[in-house]
PDB file of N, CA and C in Angstrom:
ATOM      1  N   UNK A   1       0.839  -1.186   0.000  1.00  0.00           N
ATOM      2  CA  UNK A   1       0.000   0.000   0.000  1.00  0.00           C
ATOM      3  C   UNK A   1       0.880   1.244   0.000  1.00  0.00           C
ATOM      4  N   UNK A   2       0.757   2.027  -1.051  1.00  0.00           N
ATOM      5  CA  UNK A   2       1.531   3.266  -1.176  1.00  0.00           C
ATOM      6  C   UNK A   2       0.719   4.434  -0.626  1.00  0.00           C
ATOM      7  N   UNK A   3       1.355   5.201   0.234  1.00  0.00           N
ATOM      8  CA  UNK A   3       0.703   6.398   0.747  1.00  0.00           C
ATOM      9  C   UNK A   3       0.765   7.492  -0.304  1.00  0.00           C
ATOM     10  N   UNK A   4      -0.275   8.311  -0.351  1.00  0.00           N
ATOM     11  CA  UNK A   4      -0.290   9.454  -1.257  1.00  0.00           C
ATOM     12  C   UNK A   4      -0.354  10.720  -0.429  1.00  0.00           C
ATOM     13  N   UNK A   5       0.348  11.744  -0.896  1.00  0.00           N
ATOM     14  CA  UNK A   5       0.395  13.015  -0.188  1.00  0.00           C
ATOM     15  C   UNK A   5       0.080  14.143  -1.154  1.00  0.00           C
ATOM     16  N   UNK A   6      -0.546  15.181  -0.616  1.00  0.00           N
ATOM     17  CA  UNK A   6      -0.781  16.405  -1.375  1.00  0.00           C
ATOM     18  C   UNK A   6       0.161  17.453  -0.803  1.00  0.00           C
ATOM     19  N   UNK A   7       1.036  17.988  -1.649  1.00  0.00           N
ATOM     20  CA  UNK A   7       2.004  18.982  -1.197  1.00  0.00           C
ATOM     21  C   UNK A   7       1.690  20.313  -1.871  1.00  0.00           C
ATOM     22  N   UNK A   8       1.549  21.328  -1.056  1.00  0.00           N
ATOM     23  CA  UNK A   8       1.305  22.689  -1.555  1.00  0.00           C
ATOM     24  C   UNK A   8       2.482  23.573  -1.169  1.00  0.00           C
ATOM     25  N   UNK A   9       2.834  24.486  -2.060  1.00  0.00           N
ATOM     26  CA  UNK A   9       3.940  25.404  -1.796  1.00  0.00           C
ATOM     27  C   UNK A   9       3.430  26.842  -1.852  1.00  0.00           C
ATOM     28  N   UNK A  10       3.906  27.636  -0.926  1.00  0.00           N
ATOM     29  CA  UNK A  10       3.650  29.079  -0.902  1.00  0.00           C
ATOM     30  C   UNK A  10       4.983  29.755  -0.669  1.00  0.00           C
ATOM     31  N   UNK A  11       5.057  31.028  -1.001  1.00  0.00           N
ATOM     32  CA  UNK A  11       6.303  31.763  -0.808  1.00  0.00           C
ATOM     33  C   UNK A  11       5.926  33.205  -0.485  1.00  0.00           C
ATOM     34  N   UNK A  12       6.368  33.678   0.672  1.00  0.00           N
ATOM     35  CA  UNK A  12       6.059  35.057   1.053  1.00  0.00           C
ATOM     36  C   UNK A  12       7.261  35.666   1.742  1.00  0.00           C
ATOM     37  N   UNK A  13       7.224  36.979   1.879  1.00  0.00           N
ATOM     38  CA  UNK A  13       8.251  37.680   2.637  1.00  0.00           C
ATOM     39  C   UNK A  13       7.578  38.722   3.510  1.00  0.00           C
ATOM     40  N   UNK A  14       8.244  39.040   4.583  1.00  0.00           N
ATOM     41  CA  UNK A  14       7.822  40.154   5.427  1.00  0.00           C
ATOM     42  C   UNK A  14       8.864  41.230   5.216  1.00  0.00           C
ATOM     43  N   UNK A  15       8.446  42.334   4.617  1.00  0.00           N
ATOM     44  CA  UNK A  15       9.353  43.415   4.264  1.00  0.00           C
ATOM     45  C   UNK A  15       8.726  44.723   4.716  1.00  0.00           C
ATOM     46  N   UNK A  16       9.463  45.501   5.487  1.00  0.00           N
ATOM     47  CA  UNK A  16       8.925  46.743   6.058  1.00  0.00           C
ATOM     48  C   UNK A  16       7.608  46.491   6.783  1.00  0.00           C
ATOM     49  N   UNK A  17       7.580  45.402   7.538  1.00  0.00           N
ATOM     50  CA  UNK A  17       6.422  45.021   8.350  1.00  0.00           C
ATOM     51  C   UNK A  17       5.165  44.727   7.531  1.00  0.00           C
ATOM     52  N   UNK A  18       5.336  44.395   6.251  1.00  0.00           N
ATOM     53  CA  UNK A  18       4.227  44.042   5.382  1.00  0.00           C
ATOM     54  C   UNK A  18       4.456  42.640   4.834  1.00  0.00           C
ATOM     55  N   UNK A  19       3.394  41.828   4.801  1.00  0.00           N
ATOM     56  CA  UNK A  19       3.484  40.474   4.252  1.00  0.00           C
ATOM     57  C   UNK A  19       3.175  40.545   2.759  1.00  0.00           C
ATOM     58  N   UNK A  20       4.125  40.063   1.950  1.00  0.00           N
ATOM     59  CA  UNK A  20       3.963  40.095   0.492  1.00  0.00           C
ATOM     60  C   UNK A  20       3.957  38.671  -0.061  1.00  0.00           C
ATOM     61  N   UNK A  21       3.015  38.387  -0.953  1.00  0.00           N
ATOM     62  CA  UNK A  21       2.917  37.101  -1.642  1.00  0.00           C
ATOM     63  C   UNK A  21       3.874  37.120  -2.827  1.00  0.00           C
ATOM     64  N   UNK A  22       4.897  36.286  -2.789  1.00  0.00           N
ATOM     65  CA  UNK A  22       5.899  36.292  -3.853  1.00  0.00           C
ATOM     66  C   UNK A  22       5.495  35.454  -5.062  1.00  0.00           C
ATOM     67  N   UNK A  23       4.383  34.755  -4.994  1.00  0.00           N
ATOM     68  CA  UNK A  23       3.913  33.965  -6.134  1.00  0.00           C
ATOM     69  C   UNK A  23       2.733  34.602  -6.846  1.00  0.00           C
ATOM     70  N   UNK A  24       2.224  35.704  -6.323  1.00  0.00           N
ATOM     71  CA  UNK A  24       1.079  36.373  -6.929  1.00  0.00           C
ATOM     72  C   UNK A  24       1.518  37.144  -8.162  1.00  0.00           C
ATOM     73  N   UNK A  25       0.783  36.997  -9.281  1.00  0.00           N
ATOM     74  CA  UNK A  25       1.161  37.713 -10.503  1.00  0.00           C
ATOM     75  C   UNK A  25       0.980  39.229 -10.396  1.00  0.00           C
ATOM     76  N   UNK A  26       0.042  39.674  -9.569  1.00  0.00           N
ATOM     77  CA  UNK A  26      -0.154  41.123  -9.415  1.00  0.00           C
ATOM     78  C   UNK A  26       0.427  41.601  -8.089  1.00  0.00           C
ATOM     79  N   UNK A  27       0.991  42.775  -8.136  1.00  0.00           N
ATOM     80  CA  UNK A  27       1.533  43.396  -6.930  1.00  0.00           C
ATOM     81  C   UNK A  27       0.388  44.018  -6.156  1.00  0.00           C
ATOM     82  N   UNK A  28       0.253  43.637  -4.907  1.00  0.00           N
ATOM     83  CA  UNK A  28      -0.808  44.182  -4.066  1.00  0.00           C
ATOM     84  C   UNK A  28      -0.419  45.574  -3.578  1.00  0.00           C
ATOM     85  N   UNK A  29      -1.402  46.471  -3.532  1.00  0.00           N
ATOM     86  CA  UNK A  29      -1.147  47.828  -3.046  1.00  0.00           C
ATOM     87  C   UNK A  29      -0.898  47.824  -1.542  1.00  0.00           C
ATOM     88  N   UNK A  30      -1.388  46.793  -0.871  1.00  0.00           N
ATOM     89  CA  UNK A  30      -1.188  46.671   0.581  1.00  0.00           C
ATOM     90  C   UNK A  30      -0.821  45.227   0.889  1.00  0.00           C
ATOM     91  N   UNK A  31      -0.235  45.003   2.025  1.00  0.00           N
ATOM     92  CA  UNK A  31       0.201  43.667   2.415  1.00  0.00           C
ATOM     93  C   UNK A  31      -0.957  42.741   2.748  1.00  0.00           C
ATOM     94  N   UNK A  32      -0.646  41.463   2.832  1.00  0.00           N
ATOM     95  CA  UNK A  32      -1.632  40.463   3.204  1.00  0.00           C
ATOM     96  C   UNK A  32      -1.817  40.451   4.717  1.00  0.00           C
ATOM     97  N   UNK A  33      -2.914  39.840   5.157  1.00  0.00           N
ATOM     98  CA  UNK A  33      -3.233  39.826   6.583  1.00  0.00           C
ATOM     99  C   UNK A  33      -2.892  38.485   7.221  1.00  0.00           C
ATOM    100  N   UNK A  34      -2.306  38.547   8.401  1.00  0.00           N
ATOM    101  CA  UNK A  34      -2.057  37.367   9.212  1.00  0.00           C
ATOM    102  C   UNK A  34      -3.323  37.087  10.014  1.00  0.00           C
ATOM    103  N   UNK A  35      -3.839  35.861   9.927  1.00  0.00           N
ATOM    104  CA  UNK A  35      -5.090  35.486  10.581  1.00  0.00           C
ATOM    105  C   UNK A  35      -4.869  34.261  11.459  1.00  0.00           C
ATOM    106  N   UNK A  36      -5.848  33.962  12.288  1.00  0.00           N
ATOM    107  CA  UNK A  36      -5.799  32.767  13.114  1.00  0.00           C
ATOM    108  C   UNK A  36      -7.189  32.153  13.173  1.00  0.00           C
ATOM    109  N   UNK A  37      -7.242  30.831  13.046  1.00  0.00           N
ATOM    110  CA  UNK A  37      -8.519  30.126  13.178  1.00  0.00           C
ATOM    111  C   UNK A  37      -8.313  28.909  14.071  1.00  0.00           C
ATOM    112  N   UNK A  38      -9.378  28.488  14.717  1.00  0.00           N
ATOM    113  CA  UNK A  38      -9.274  27.322  15.601  1.00  0.00           C
ATOM    114  C   UNK A  38      -9.040  26.047  14.797  1.00  0.00           C
ATOM    115  N   UNK A  39      -9.463  26.011  13.524  1.00  0.00           N
ATOM    116  CA  UNK A  39      -9.293  24.827  12.673  1.00  0.00           C
ATOM    117  C   UNK A  39      -7.876  24.693  12.120  1.00  0.00           C
ATOM    118  N   UNK A  40      -7.365  25.769  11.534  1.00  0.00           N
ATOM    119  CA  UNK A  40      -6.080  25.660  10.830  1.00  0.00           C
ATOM    120  C   UNK A  40      -4.932  26.406  11.495  1.00  0.00           C
ATOM    121  N   UNK A  41      -5.172  27.063  12.593  1.00  0.00           N
ATOM    122  CA  UNK A  41      -4.102  27.796  13.273  1.00  0.00           C
ATOM    123  C   UNK A  41      -3.822  29.122  12.598  1.00  0.00           C
ATOM    124  N   UNK A  42      -2.578  29.557  12.646  1.00  0.00           N
ATOM    125  CA  UNK A  42      -2.175  30.836  12.056  1.00  0.00           C
ATOM    126  C   UNK A  42      -1.964  30.642  10.551  1.00  0.00           C
ATOM    127  N   UNK A  43      -2.479  31.587   9.761  1.00  0.00           N
ATOM    128  CA  UNK A  43      -2.319  31.523   8.313  1.00  0.00           C
ATOM    129  C   UNK A  43      -2.315  32.928   7.732  1.00  0.00           C
ATOM    130  N   UNK A  44      -1.950  33.037   6.469  1.00  0.00           N
ATOM    131  CA  UNK A  44      -1.938  34.315   5.765  1.00  0.00           C
ATOM    132  C   UNK A  44      -3.106  34.313   4.787  1.00  0.00           C
ATOM    133  N   UNK A  45      -4.044  35.229   4.995  1.00  0.00           N
ATOM    134  CA  UNK A  45      -5.242  35.310   4.162  1.00  0.00           C
ATOM    135  C   UNK A  45      -4.867  35.647   2.718  1.00  0.00           C
ATOM    136  N   UNK A  46      -5.447  34.907   1.781  1.00  0.00           N
ATOM    137  CA  UNK A  46      -5.279  35.116   0.328  1.00  0.00           C
ATOM    138  C   UNK A  46      -3.862  34.819  -0.182  1.00  0.00           C
ATOM    139  N   UNK A  47      -3.065  34.072   0.560  1.00  0.00           N
ATOM    140  CA  UNK A  47      -1.729  33.703   0.093  1.00  0.00           C
ATOM    141  C   UNK A  47      -1.849  32.652  -1.002  1.00  0.00           C
ATOM    142  N   UNK A  48      -1.126  32.840  -2.099  1.00  0.00           N
ATOM    143  CA  UNK A  48      -1.135  31.886  -3.203  1.00  0.00           C
ATOM    144  C   UNK A  48      -0.555  30.556  -2.744  1.00  0.00           C
ATOM    145  N   UNK A  49      -1.223  29.476  -3.116  1.00  0.00           N
ATOM    146  CA  UNK A  49      -0.778  28.133  -2.780  1.00  0.00           C
ATOM    147  C   UNK A  49      -0.788  27.298  -4.056  1.00  0.00           C
ATOM    148  N   UNK A  50       0.333  26.640  -4.360  1.00  0.00           N
ATOM    149  CA  UNK A  50       0.477  25.881  -5.600  1.00  0.00           C
ATOM    150  C   UNK A  50       0.715  24.415  -5.254  1.00  0.00           C
ATOM    151  N   UNK A  51      -0.021  23.509  -5.919  1.00  0.00           N
ATOM    152  CA  UNK A  51       0.221  22.077  -5.736  1.00  0.00           C
ATOM    153  C   UNK A  51       1.478  21.712  -6.516  1.00  0.00           C
ATOM    154  N   UNK A  52       2.414  21.051  -5.851  1.00  0.00           N
ATOM    155  CA  UNK A  52       3.663  20.623  -6.498  1.00  0.00           C
ATOM    156  C   UNK A  52       3.764  19.106  -6.436  1.00  0.00           C
ATOM    157  N   UNK A  53       4.272  18.518  -7.525  1.00  0.00           N
ATOM    158  CA  UNK A  53       4.315  17.059  -7.626  1.00  0.00           C
ATOM    159  C   UNK A  53       5.715  16.510  -7.824  1.00  0.00           C
ATOM    160  N   UNK A  54       6.711  17.386  -7.883  1.00  0.00           N
ATOM    161  CA  UNK A  54       8.075  16.908  -8.092  1.00  0.00           C
ATOM    162  C   UNK A  54       9.065  17.942  -7.552  1.00  0.00           C
ATOM    163  N   UNK A  55      10.295  17.523  -7.429  1.00  0.00           N
ATOM    164  CA  UNK A  55      11.350  18.438  -6.998  1.00  0.00           C
ATOM    165  C   UNK A  55      11.506  19.564  -8.020  1.00  0.00           C
ATOM    166  N   UNK A  56      11.374  19.239  -9.292  1.00  0.00           N
ATOM    167  CA  UNK A  56      11.492  20.259 -10.348  1.00  0.00           C
ATOM    168  C   UNK A  56      10.409  21.331 -10.193  1.00  0.00           C
ATOM    169  N   UNK A  57       9.185  20.927  -9.862  1.00  0.00           N
ATOM    170  CA  UNK A  57       8.108  21.893  -9.660  1.00  0.00           C
ATOM    171  C   UNK A  57       8.357  22.751  -8.423  1.00  0.00           C
ATOM    172  N   UNK A  58       8.896  22.152  -7.377  1.00  0.00           N
ATOM    173  CA  UNK A  58       9.243  22.923  -6.179  1.00  0.00           C
ATOM    174  C   UNK A  58      10.322  23.952  -6.517  1.00  0.00           C
ATOM    175  N   UNK A  59      11.339  23.541  -7.243  1.00  0.00           N
ATOM    176  CA  UNK A  59      12.401  24.465  -7.643  1.00  0.00           C
ATOM    177  C   UNK A  59      11.854  25.603  -8.507  1.00  0.00           C
ATOM    178  N   UNK A  60      10.898  25.296  -9.369  1.00  0.00           N
ATOM    179  CA  UNK A  60      10.285  26.320 -10.210  1.00  0.00           C
ATOM    180  C   UNK A  60       9.556  27.368  -9.360  1.00  0.00           C
ATOM    181  N   UNK A  61       8.821  26.907  -8.350  1.00  0.00           N
ATOM    182  CA  UNK A  61       8.117  27.816  -7.441  1.00  0.00           C
ATOM    183  C   UNK A  61       9.130  28.684  -6.695  1.00  0.00           C
ATOM    184  N   UNK A  62      10.206  28.078  -6.219  1.00  0.00           N
ATOM    185  CA  UNK A  62      11.234  28.842  -5.496  1.00  0.00           C
ATOM    186  C   UNK A  62      11.880  29.899  -6.382  1.00  0.00           C
ATOM    187  N   UNK A  63      12.160  29.565  -7.633  1.00  0.00           N
ATOM    188  CA  UNK A  63      12.775  30.524  -8.552  1.00  0.00           C
ATOM    189  C   UNK A  63      11.817  31.680  -8.865  1.00  0.00           C
ATOM    190  N   UNK A  64      10.543  31.370  -9.063  1.00  0.00           N
ATOM    191  CA  UNK A  64       9.547  32.421  -9.329  1.00  0.00           C
ATOM    192  C   UNK A  64       9.458  33.373  -8.143  1.00  0.00           C
ATOM    193  N   UNK A  65       9.392  32.824  -6.936  1.00  0.00           N
ATOM    194  CA  UNK A  65       9.308  33.656  -5.741  1.00  0.00           C
ATOM    195  C   UNK A  65      10.562  34.486  -5.536  1.00  0.00           C
ATOM    196  N   UNK A  66      11.706  33.890  -5.799  1.00  0.00           N
ATOM    197  CA  UNK A  66      12.982  34.591  -5.615  1.00  0.00           C
ATOM    198  C   UNK A  66      13.057  35.843  -6.498  1.00  0.00           C
ATOM    199  N   UNK A  67      12.525  35.753  -7.709  1.00  0.00           N
ATOM    200  CA  UNK A  67      12.532  36.905  -8.626  1.00  0.00           C
ATOM    201  C   UNK A  67      11.689  38.062  -8.106  1.00  0.00           C
ATOM    202  N   UNK A  68      10.691  37.757  -7.279  1.00  0.00           N
ATOM    203  CA  UNK A  68       9.774  38.787  -6.785  1.00  0.00           C
ATOM    204  C   UNK A  68      10.154  39.347  -5.421  1.00  0.00           C
ATOM    205  N   UNK A  69      11.263  38.880  -4.859  1.00  0.00           N
ATOM    206  CA  UNK A  69      11.664  39.371  -3.538  1.00  0.00           C
ATOM    207  C   UNK A  69      12.084  40.833  -3.596  1.00  0.00           C
ATOM    208  N   UNK A  70      11.887  41.528  -2.490  1.00  0.00           N
ATOM    209  CA  UNK A  70      12.384  42.895  -2.363  1.00  0.00           C
ATOM    210  C   UNK A  70      13.872  42.814  -2.100  1.00  0.00           C
ATOM    211  N   UNK A  71      14.621  43.635  -2.780  1.00  0.00           N
ATOM    212  CA  UNK A  71      16.067  43.636  -2.594  1.00  0.00           C
ATOM    213  C   UNK A  71      16.501  45.060  -2.299  1.00  0.00           C
ATOM    214  N   UNK A  72      17.248  45.221  -1.243  1.00  0.00           N
ATOM    215  CA  UNK A  72      17.765  46.533  -0.890  1.00  0.00           C
ATOM    216  C   UNK A  72      19.185  46.403  -0.384  1.00  0.00           C
ATOM    217  N   UNK A  73      19.922  47.494  -0.362  1.00  0.00           N
ATOM    218  CA  UNK A  73      21.304  47.468   0.087  1.00  0.00           C
ATOM    219  C   UNK A  73      21.575  48.650   0.991  1.00  0.00           C
ATOM    220  N   UNK A  74      22.151  48.369   2.123  1.00  0.00           N
ATOM    221  CA  UNK A  74      22.694  49.419   2.983  1.00  0.00           C
ATOM    222  C   UNK A  74      24.032  48.925   3.496  1.00  0.00           C
ATOM    223  N   UNK A  75      24.828  49.808   4.038  1.00  0.00           N
ATOM    224  CA  UNK A  75      26.114  49.390   4.611  1.00  0.00           C
ATOM    225  C   UNK A  75      25.914  48.426   5.778  1.00  0.00           C
ATOM    226  N   UNK A  76      24.795  48.558   6.495  1.00  0.00           N
ATOM    227  CA  UNK A  76      24.543  47.713   7.658  1.00  0.00           C
ATOM    228  C   UNK A  76      24.205  46.275   7.260  1.00  0.00           C
ATOM    229  N   UNK A  77      23.614  46.073   6.095  1.00  0.00           N
ATOM    230  CA  UNK A  77      23.214  44.714   5.728  1.00  0.00           C
ATOM    231  C   UNK A  77      23.923  44.206   4.472  1.00  0.00           C
ATOM    232  N   UNK A  78      25.111  44.655   4.229  1.00  0.00           N
ATOM    233  CA  UNK A  78      25.843  44.278   3.012  1.00  0.00           C
ATOM    234  C   UNK A  78      25.971  42.770   2.863  1.00  0.00           C
ATOM    235  N   UNK A  79      25.989  42.041   3.973  1.00  0.00           N
ATOM    236  CA  UNK A  79      26.144  40.594   3.898  1.00  0.00           C
ATOM    237  C   UNK A  79      24.859  39.833   4.132  1.00  0.00           C
ATOM    238  N   UNK A  80      23.722  40.519   4.173  1.00  0.00           N
ATOM    239  CA  UNK A  80      22.463  39.838   4.499  1.00  0.00           C
ATOM    240  C   UNK A  80      21.780  39.316   3.229  1.00  0.00           C
ATOM    241  N   UNK A  81      20.659  38.652   3.409  1.00  0.00           N
ATOM    242  CA  UNK A  81      19.900  38.091   2.292  1.00  0.00           C
ATOM    243  C   UNK A  81      19.256  39.178   1.434  1.00  0.00           C
ATOM    244  N   UNK A  82      19.192  40.380   1.888  1.00  0.00           N
ATOM    245  CA  UNK A  82      18.559  41.474   1.134  1.00  0.00           C
ATOM    246  C   UNK A  82      19.552  42.191   0.217  1.00  0.00           C
ATOM    247  N   UNK A  83      20.806  41.847   0.286  1.00  0.00           N
ATOM    248  CA  UNK A  83      21.788  42.585  -0.529  1.00  0.00           C
ATOM    249  C   UNK A  83      22.066  41.891  -1.822  1.00  0.00           C
TER     250      UNK A  83
END
């Protein structure tokens, strides 16, 4: 008996205290909302979720999200993930 799993991928960032969906095709004028429910716990309302079926599909989602990240540079964070 083989087990089957459903895997969903999302990608977001918190930048300037705003939650941004990195997989959404349109740029939101305002950030997404952090919510909590007794059924599913803490979640991000309206966050894009993609079903992935292989490592290649996961890598594709990661590359798409990476292109949409906010990137900034200051002397203080020259070595951080934002530079």
